[in-house]
Protein backbone atom coordinates (compact mmCIF):
# COMPACT_ATOMS: atom_id res chain seq x y z
CA UNK A 1 9.57 -5.98 -13.25
CA UNK A 2 12.45 -4.91 -11.07
CA UNK A 3 11.98 -3.93 -7.42
CA UNK A 4 12.48 -0.20 -8.01
CA UNK A 5 9.75 0.06 -10.67
CA UNK A 6 7.43 -1.98 -8.43
CA UNK A 7 7.95 0.35 -5.46
CA UNK A 8 7.47 3.46 -7.63
CA UNK A 9 4.02 2.22 -8.71
CA UNK A 10 2.66 1.46 -5.22
CA UNK A 11 -0.60 3.33 -4.65
CA UNK A 12 -1.74 4.22 -1.18
CA UNK A 13 -5.35 3.15 -1.25
CA UNK A 14 -7.19 4.49 1.78
CA UNK A 15 -9.51 1.92 3.36
CA UNK A 16 -11.71 2.43 6.42
CA UNK A 17 -9.72 0.99 9.32
CA UNK A 18 -12.78 0.36 11.51
CA UNK A 19 -14.67 -1.61 8.86
CA UNK A 20 -11.64 -3.44 7.42
CA UNK A 21 -9.96 -5.00 10.44
CA UNK A 22 -12.51 -7.77 11.05
CA UNK A 23 -12.56 -8.78 7.35
CA UNK A 24 -8.79 -8.91 7.21
CA UNK A 25 -8.57 -10.99 10.39
CA UNK A 26 -11.04 -13.56 9.00
CA UNK A 27 -9.21 -14.10 5.69
CA UNK A 28 -7.25 -17.32 5.45
CA UNK A 29 -6.11 -18.82 2.18
CA UNK A 30 -3.50 -18.56 -0.53
CA UNK A 31 -2.27 -15.40 -2.29
CA UNK A 32 -3.48 -14.99 -5.85
CA UNK A 33 -5.70 -18.11 -5.66
CA UNK A 34 -8.28 -17.02 -3.07
CA UNK A 35 -10.36 -13.83 -3.46
CA UNK A 36 -9.53 -11.04 -1.05
CA UNK A 37 -12.15 -9.42 1.16
CA UNK A 38 -13.79 -6.27 -0.11
CA UNK A 39 -12.71 -3.35 2.04
CA UNK A 40 -14.65 -0.06 2.18
CA UNK A 41 -12.79 2.97 0.89
CA UNK A 42 -12.36 6.32 2.60
CA UNK A 43 -13.88 8.68 0.04
CA UNK A 44 -14.18 12.43 0.49
CA UNK A 45 -12.61 12.03 3.93
CA UNK A 46 -14.98 9.42 5.37
CA UNK A 47 -16.28 5.87 5.07
CA UNK A 48 -19.67 5.49 3.37
CA UNK A 49 -20.53 2.56 5.63
CA UNK A 50 -19.69 3.74 9.15
CA UNK A 51 -18.84 7.41 8.60
CA UNK A 52 -15.42 6.85 10.15
CA UNK A 53 -12.37 8.86 9.13
CA UNK A 54 -9.56 6.63 10.45
CA UNK A 55 -7.81 5.11 7.45
CA UNK A 56 -5.75 2.01 6.75
CA UNK A 57 -3.30 2.35 3.88
CA UNK A 58 -3.10 -0.49 1.39
CA UNK A 59 0.69 -0.72 1.64
CA UNK A 60 0.29 -1.68 5.31
CA UNK A 61 -1.64 -4.85 4.43
CA UNK A 62 0.54 -7.83 3.54
CA UNK A 63 0.37 -11.60 3.20
CA UNK A 64 1.95 -13.58 6.02
CA UNK A 65 2.66 -17.29 5.69
CA UNK A 66 1.68 -19.55 8.58
CA UNK A 67 3.55 -22.77 9.23
CA UNK A 68 2.08 -25.51 11.40
CA UNK A 69 4.15 -27.78 13.65
CA UNK A 70 4.34 -30.53 10.99
CA UNK A 71 4.92 -28.47 7.86
CA UNK A 72 7.25 -29.66 5.11
CA UNK A 73 8.62 -26.23 4.20
CA UNK A 74 5.60 -24.79 2.46
CA UNK A 75 3.16 -22.75 4.53
CA UNK A 76 -0.03 -24.42 5.72
CA UNK A 77 -1.95 -21.26 4.77
CA UNK A 78 -1.63 -17.49 4.59
CA UNK A 79 -3.30 -14.65 6.48
CA UNK A 80 -3.58 -10.92 5.87
CA UNK A 81 -1.51 -8.90 8.33
CA UNK A 82 -1.74 -5.23 9.19
CA UNK A 83 1.39 -3.47 10.29
CA UNK A 84 3.04 -0.12 9.99
CA UNK A 85 6.69 0.78 10.14
CA UNK A 86 9.42 1.36 7.59
CA UNK A 87 11.43 -1.75 8.46
CA UNK A 88 8.35 -3.95 8.21
CA UNK A 89 7.29 -2.43 4.89
CA UNK A 90 10.70 -2.73 3.28
CA UNK A 91 11.07 -6.34 4.38
CA UNK A 92 7.65 -7.65 3.44
CA UNK A 93 6.71 -5.58 0.40
CA UNK A 94 9.85 -6.71 -1.34
CA UNK A 95 9.45 -10.28 -0.08
CA UNK A 96 5.81 -11.21 -0.71
CA UNK A 97 4.21 -8.30 -2.58
CA UNK A 98 0.94 -6.53 -1.80
CA UNK A 99 -2.60 -7.95 -1.70
CA UNK A 100 -4.08 -4.48 -2.33
CA UNK A 101 -1.50 -3.16 -4.81
CA UNK A 102 -3.70 -0.79 -6.85
CA UNK A 103 -7.08 -0.31 -8.51
CA UNK A 104 -7.72 -0.20 -12.22
CA UNK A 105 -10.92 0.09 -14.23
CA UNK A 106 -12.58 -3.19 -15.20
CA UNK A 107 -12.82 -3.45 -18.99
CA UNK A 108 -16.00 -5.55 -18.74
CA UNK A 109 -18.15 -3.49 -16.39
CA UNK A 110 -16.33 -0.19 -15.81
CA UNK A 111 -16.13 -0.81 -12.05
CA UNK A 112 -13.11 -1.16 -9.81
CA UNK A 113 -10.61 -3.89 -10.55
CA UNK A 114 -8.33 -4.81 -7.62
CA UNK A 115 -4.78 -5.70 -8.63
CA UNK A 116 -2.75 -7.91 -6.27
CA UNK A 117 0.95 -8.59 -6.71
CA UNK A 118 2.64 -11.62 -5.18
CA UNK A 119 6.35 -12.40 -5.18
CA UNK A 120 7.06 -16.06 -4.41
CA UNK A 121 10.54 -17.46 -5.13
CA UNK A 122 9.46 -18.36 -8.69
CA UNK A 123 8.82 -14.69 -9.62
CA UNK A 124 6.15 -11.99 -9.66
CA UNK A 125 2.50 -12.95 -10.13
CA UNK A 126 -0.42 -10.57 -10.68
CA UNK A 127 -4.11 -11.18 -10.05
CA UNK A 128 -6.99 -8.91 -10.96
CA UNK A 129 -10.36 -9.17 -9.21
CA UNK A 130 -13.43 -7.23 -10.33
CA UNK A 131 -15.13 -5.77 -7.27
CA UNK A 132 -18.61 -6.03 -8.84
CA UNK A 133 -18.10 -9.71 -9.64
CA UNK A 134 -16.97 -10.38 -6.07
CA UNK A 135 -20.13 -8.73 -4.77
CA UNK A 136 -22.32 -10.79 -7.10
CA UNK A 137 -20.46 -14.03 -6.36
CA UNK A 138 -19.06 -14.55 -9.87
CA UNK A 139 -15.32 -14.07 -10.09
CA UNK A 140 -14.11 -12.40 -13.29
CA UNK A 141 -10.38 -12.40 -13.92
């Protein structure tokens, strides 16, 4: 997939900013390998959990690699970072991909399937996580 087709397919998923920030700050792991936190959607203009209307767009959530003082070149771990701004988006979307790239329909249960896209130096990688399986504790890929 070339960069232009990737950018054309980016969906702006609207998450509840108030409910999402703490979950995003707690996540620490590796892209594609570790399940992402479930974030509540803004549907019909508000969050079903808190009733809030302030949104957080999926394209503003990125992976950020963290290097410790004794690293050997590879990151020690990754975090999820929230940021807005055209320069930031252009730099990081094209560099590492998007944890919350888009939703599809799960072929097994009909629920939401989260698609993540990661772009390490070896090339694009996709991961699909069924939201129902994450809630039940069984990961379906």
